[in-house]
Protein backbone atom coordinates (compact mmCIF):
# COMPACT_ATOMS: atom_id res chain seq x y z
CA PHE A 1 0.98 -12.08 -17.11
CA CYS A 2 2.48 -13.78 -20.17
CA ARG A 3 5.81 -15.58 -20.27
CA SER A 4 7.48 -13.06 -22.58
CA ASP A 5 6.67 -10.25 -20.13
CA ALA A 6 8.15 -12.26 -17.28
CA ARG A 7 11.45 -12.39 -19.16
CA LYS A 8 11.47 -8.61 -19.53
CA ILE A 9 11.06 -7.67 -15.86
CA TRP A 10 13.74 -5.09 -15.16
CA CYS A 11 13.42 -5.02 -11.38
CA PHE A 12 11.26 -5.24 -8.28
CA GLY A 13 10.92 -2.36 -5.87
CA PRO A 14 11.38 -0.77 -3.45
CA GLU A 15 14.81 -2.02 -2.33
CA THR A 16 14.80 -4.57 -5.22
CA THR A 17 12.55 -6.94 -3.22
CA GLY A 18 9.22 -5.07 -2.98
CA ALA A 19 5.85 -5.97 -4.45
CA ASN A 20 6.10 -3.68 -7.50
CA LEU A 21 7.30 -4.46 -11.04
CA LEU A 22 9.01 -2.53 -13.80
CA VAL A 23 8.51 -4.29 -17.16
CA ASP A 24 10.06 -3.42 -20.52
CA THR A 25 7.31 -3.82 -23.17
CA THR A 26 9.03 -1.68 -25.82
CA LYS A 27 9.88 -2.77 -29.35
CA ALA A 28 13.20 -1.83 -31.00
CA VAL A 29 14.10 1.25 -28.98
CA GLN A 30 17.63 2.55 -29.59
CA TYR A 31 20.03 3.08 -26.65
CA LEU A 32 17.49 1.59 -24.17
CA ASN A 33 20.05 -0.54 -22.35
CA GLU A 34 22.10 2.56 -21.64
CA ILE A 35 19.34 4.05 -19.48
CA LYS A 36 18.25 0.82 -17.76
CA ASP A 37 20.25 1.47 -14.58
CA SER A 38 18.90 5.02 -14.37
CA CYS A 39 15.30 3.83 -14.79
CA VAL A 40 15.80 1.19 -12.12
CA ALA A 41 17.23 3.80 -9.73
CA ALA A 42 14.25 6.10 -10.39
CA PHE A 43 11.86 3.17 -9.89
CA GLN A 44 13.39 2.31 -6.51
CA TRP A 45 13.12 5.96 -5.45
CA ALA A 46 9.53 6.37 -6.63
CA THR A 47 8.25 3.12 -5.11
CA LYS A 48 9.96 3.89 -1.79
CA GLU A 49 8.25 7.29 -1.57
CA GLY A 50 4.88 7.12 -3.32
CA CYS A 51 3.06 10.15 -4.62
CA LEU A 52 0.12 10.15 -2.20
CA CYS A 53 1.91 10.42 1.13
CA ASP A 54 5.56 9.43 0.66
CA GLU A 55 4.87 5.82 1.71
CA ASN A 56 5.91 2.60 -0.02
CA MET A 57 3.93 1.57 -3.10
CA ARG A 58 2.59 -1.97 -3.24
CA GLY A 59 1.13 -4.22 -5.92
CA ILE A 60 1.80 -1.91 -8.90
CA ARG A 61 3.12 -2.93 -12.32
CA PHE A 62 4.70 -0.24 -14.49
CA ASN A 63 5.11 -0.93 -18.22
CA ILE A 64 7.67 0.97 -20.28
CA LEU A 65 5.74 1.42 -23.54
CA ASP A 66 8.02 3.67 -25.59
CA VAL A 67 11.15 5.77 -25.18
CA VAL A 68 12.64 8.43 -27.43
CA LEU A 69 16.26 9.16 -26.55
CA HIS A 70 18.66 11.87 -27.66
CA THR A 71 21.44 10.68 -29.95
CA ASP A 72 24.06 12.53 -27.91
CA THR A 73 25.34 10.42 -24.96
CA VAL A 74 25.57 13.50 -22.71
CA HIS A 75 21.77 13.80 -22.69
CA ARG A 76 21.25 10.17 -21.65
CA GLY A 77 23.03 10.35 -18.29
CA GLY A 78 21.54 9.62 -14.88
CA GLY A 79 21.17 13.32 -14.11
CA GLN A 80 18.65 13.67 -16.95
CA ILE A 81 16.96 10.24 -16.82
CA ILE A 82 16.42 9.60 -13.09
CA PRO A 83 14.33 12.72 -12.23
CA THR A 84 12.40 12.40 -15.51
CA ALA A 85 11.60 8.72 -14.99
CA ARG A 86 10.53 9.38 -11.40
CA ARG A 87 8.06 12.03 -12.57
CA VAL A 88 6.71 9.59 -15.15
CA PHE A 89 6.15 6.93 -12.47
CA TYR A 90 4.32 9.46 -10.28
CA ALA A 91 2.14 10.63 -13.17
CA ALA A 92 1.29 7.01 -14.01
CA GLN A 93 0.32 6.39 -10.39
CA LEU A 94 -1.96 9.44 -10.26
CA THR A 95 -3.75 8.56 -13.51
CA ALA A 96 -4.38 4.95 -12.37
CA GLU A 97 -6.86 5.87 -9.59
CA PRO A 98 -4.50 4.95 -6.71
CA ARG A 99 -5.82 3.54 -3.43
CA LEU A 100 -4.40 3.40 0.06
CA LEU A 101 -3.52 0.08 1.70
CA GLU A 102 -3.80 -0.42 5.43
CA PRO A 103 -2.25 -3.20 7.57
CA VAL A 104 -4.63 -5.67 9.19
CA TYR A 105 -4.18 -7.71 12.36
CA LEU A 106 -5.36 -11.28 12.87
CA VAL A 107 -6.95 -11.16 16.34
CA ASP A 108 -7.25 -14.34 18.38
CA ILE A 109 -9.68 -13.93 21.30
CA GLN A 110 -10.45 -16.47 24.01
CA CYS A 111 -13.60 -15.96 26.05
CA PRO A 112 -16.59 -17.73 27.63
CA GLU A 113 -19.84 -17.92 25.67
CA SER A 114 -21.46 -15.19 27.77
CA ALA A 115 -18.93 -12.63 26.52
CA MET A 116 -19.46 -13.27 22.80
CA GLY A 117 -21.99 -10.45 22.37
CA GLY A 118 -19.58 -7.85 23.74
CA ILE A 119 -16.82 -9.06 21.40
CA TYR A 120 -19.00 -8.74 18.30
CA GLY A 121 -20.12 -5.24 19.35
CA VAL A 122 -16.54 -3.97 19.83
CA LEU A 123 -15.34 -5.49 16.54
CA ASN A 124 -18.26 -4.00 14.56
CA ARG A 125 -17.53 -0.52 15.90
CA ARG A 126 -13.88 -0.84 14.89
CA ARG A 127 -14.42 -2.17 11.34
CA GLY A 128 -13.47 -5.67 12.48
CA ASN A 129 -14.53 -8.80 10.63
CA VAL A 130 -15.06 -12.13 12.41
CA ILE A 131 -13.71 -15.00 10.28
CA GLY A 132 -14.32 -17.92 12.62
CA GLU A 133 -15.30 -19.12 16.07
CA GLU A 134 -15.01 -22.53 17.67
CA ASN A 135 -15.42 -24.14 21.06
CA ARG A 136 -12.26 -25.48 22.67
CA PRO A 137 -12.97 -29.16 23.48
CA GLY A 138 -13.25 -29.93 27.18
CA THR A 139 -13.48 -26.26 28.24
CA PRO A 140 -16.25 -23.63 28.45
CA LEU A 141 -14.10 -21.25 26.38
CA TYR A 142 -14.61 -20.17 22.78
CA GLN A 143 -11.87 -19.09 20.39
CA VAL A 144 -12.83 -16.20 18.07
CA LYS A 145 -10.64 -15.22 15.10
CA ALA A 146 -11.15 -11.86 13.43
CA HIS A 147 -9.44 -9.34 11.17
CA LEU A 148 -8.97 -5.87 12.64
CA PRO A 149 -7.40 -2.85 10.87
CA VAL A 150 -4.29 -1.70 12.73
CA MET A 151 -5.62 1.88 12.61
CA GLU A 152 -8.56 0.76 14.77
CA SER A 153 -6.51 -1.31 17.21
CA PHE A 154 -5.40 1.48 19.56
CA GLY A 155 -7.19 0.99 22.88
CA PHE A 156 -8.78 -2.22 21.57
CA THR A 157 -7.72 -4.43 24.50
CA GLY A 158 -9.09 -2.05 27.13
CA ASP A 159 -12.30 -1.51 25.17
CA LEU A 160 -12.80 -5.25 24.76
CA ARG A 161 -12.25 -6.03 28.42
CA SER A 162 -14.57 -3.25 29.56
CA HIS A 163 -17.40 -4.67 27.38
CA THR A 164 -16.79 -8.29 28.46
CA SER A 165 -16.17 -7.69 32.18
CA GLY A 166 -12.53 -8.68 31.71
CA GLN A 167 -13.39 -12.13 30.38
CA ALA A 168 -11.88 -11.77 26.87
CA PHE A 169 -8.16 -12.14 26.18
CA PRO A 170 -7.06 -10.92 22.72
CA GLN A 171 -3.77 -11.51 20.89
CA CYS A 172 -2.90 -9.57 17.73
CA VAL A 173 -0.45 -10.54 14.98
CA PHE A 174 0.03 -8.95 11.55
CA SER A 175 -2.02 -10.73 8.87
CA HIS A 176 -2.12 -8.86 5.56
CA TRP A 177 -2.68 -5.57 3.73
CA GLN A 178 -6.12 -4.55 2.50
CA VAL A 179 -7.39 -1.73 0.29
CA MET A 180 -9.12 1.08 2.18
CA THR A 181 -12.58 1.87 0.86
CA GLY A 182 -12.97 5.27 -0.76
CA SER A 183 -10.79 7.37 -3.01
CA PRO A 184 -7.89 9.43 -1.62
CA GLU A 185 -9.22 12.32 -3.73
CA ASP A 186 -12.68 12.23 -2.11
CA LYS A 187 -12.46 14.79 0.70
CA ASP A 188 -15.29 13.13 2.66
CA SER A 189 -13.64 9.69 2.77
CA LYS A 190 -11.64 8.17 5.60
CA THR A 191 -8.87 7.44 3.06
CA PHE A 192 -8.43 11.15 2.31
CA GLN A 193 -8.23 11.89 6.04
CA ALA A 194 -5.56 9.20 6.46
CA VAL A 195 -3.53 10.66 3.57
CA MET A 196 -3.74 14.18 5.00
CA ALA A 197 -2.81 13.00 8.50
CA THR A 198 0.26 11.21 7.13
CA ARG A 199 1.32 14.21 5.03
CA LYS A 200 0.91 16.52 8.04
CA ARG A 201 3.00 14.21 10.23
CA LYS A 202 5.78 14.22 7.61
CA GLY A 203 5.70 17.99 7.11
CA LEU A 204 4.43 17.75 3.51
CA ALA A 205 1.95 20.06 1.78
CA LEU A 206 -1.64 19.26 2.80
CA GLU A 207 -2.72 18.33 -0.72
CA ILE A 208 -2.22 15.42 -3.09
CA PRO A 209 0.18 16.67 -5.80
CA PRO A 210 -1.79 17.58 -8.95
CA LEU A 211 -1.07 15.71 -12.17
CA ASP A 212 0.24 18.78 -14.02
CA ARG A 213 3.19 18.87 -11.62
CA PHE A 214 4.52 15.71 -13.31
CA TYR A 215 2.91 15.96 -16.72
CA ASP A 216 5.41 17.34 -19.25
CA LYS A 217 4.44 18.36 -22.77
CA LEU A 218 6.85 18.75 -25.66
């Protein structure tokens, strides 16, 4: 990310504080400042409701490469620019091989040494990843830290206690977002199933919108 690009950041999104960027990389485009507010509004709208399943986008940079604008002011209003720019952002997202992000908990588990095997078994079945374990000085207890996808956390406490005879005590706090393995367009992947489940819950069509829905040709 070069310094000149940093000076040309138009906005962050969604809600002007999100983890997405809109950057003006154009050269000598006429009337561009007149449509800046409309592009920013479209960017906020598009990043708030992403193309895959109407969820927030995250970690995406959009570059404005070139713009050709009508000389008549009437055709440069928000009514023309906002829907058009939003379709462009969606088309750019679809052509960039988008991925789904899932929230991950940091799990802190306290247990005696005899229960460690049960903890590892439960975490492995739920796509968990142990990142550290240490003995608490002066006690027979161990402290295990692990990352666990939020999607896999439902029923985790009961499952853990049943496999450790009630000797493990977990605490979960949000840690970070991570990319789900697999493409949302691969119908055999867990990512595709997550996208379809979200779209069904929101009453959307059970398909990822095809590119030609946003791809306009002159």
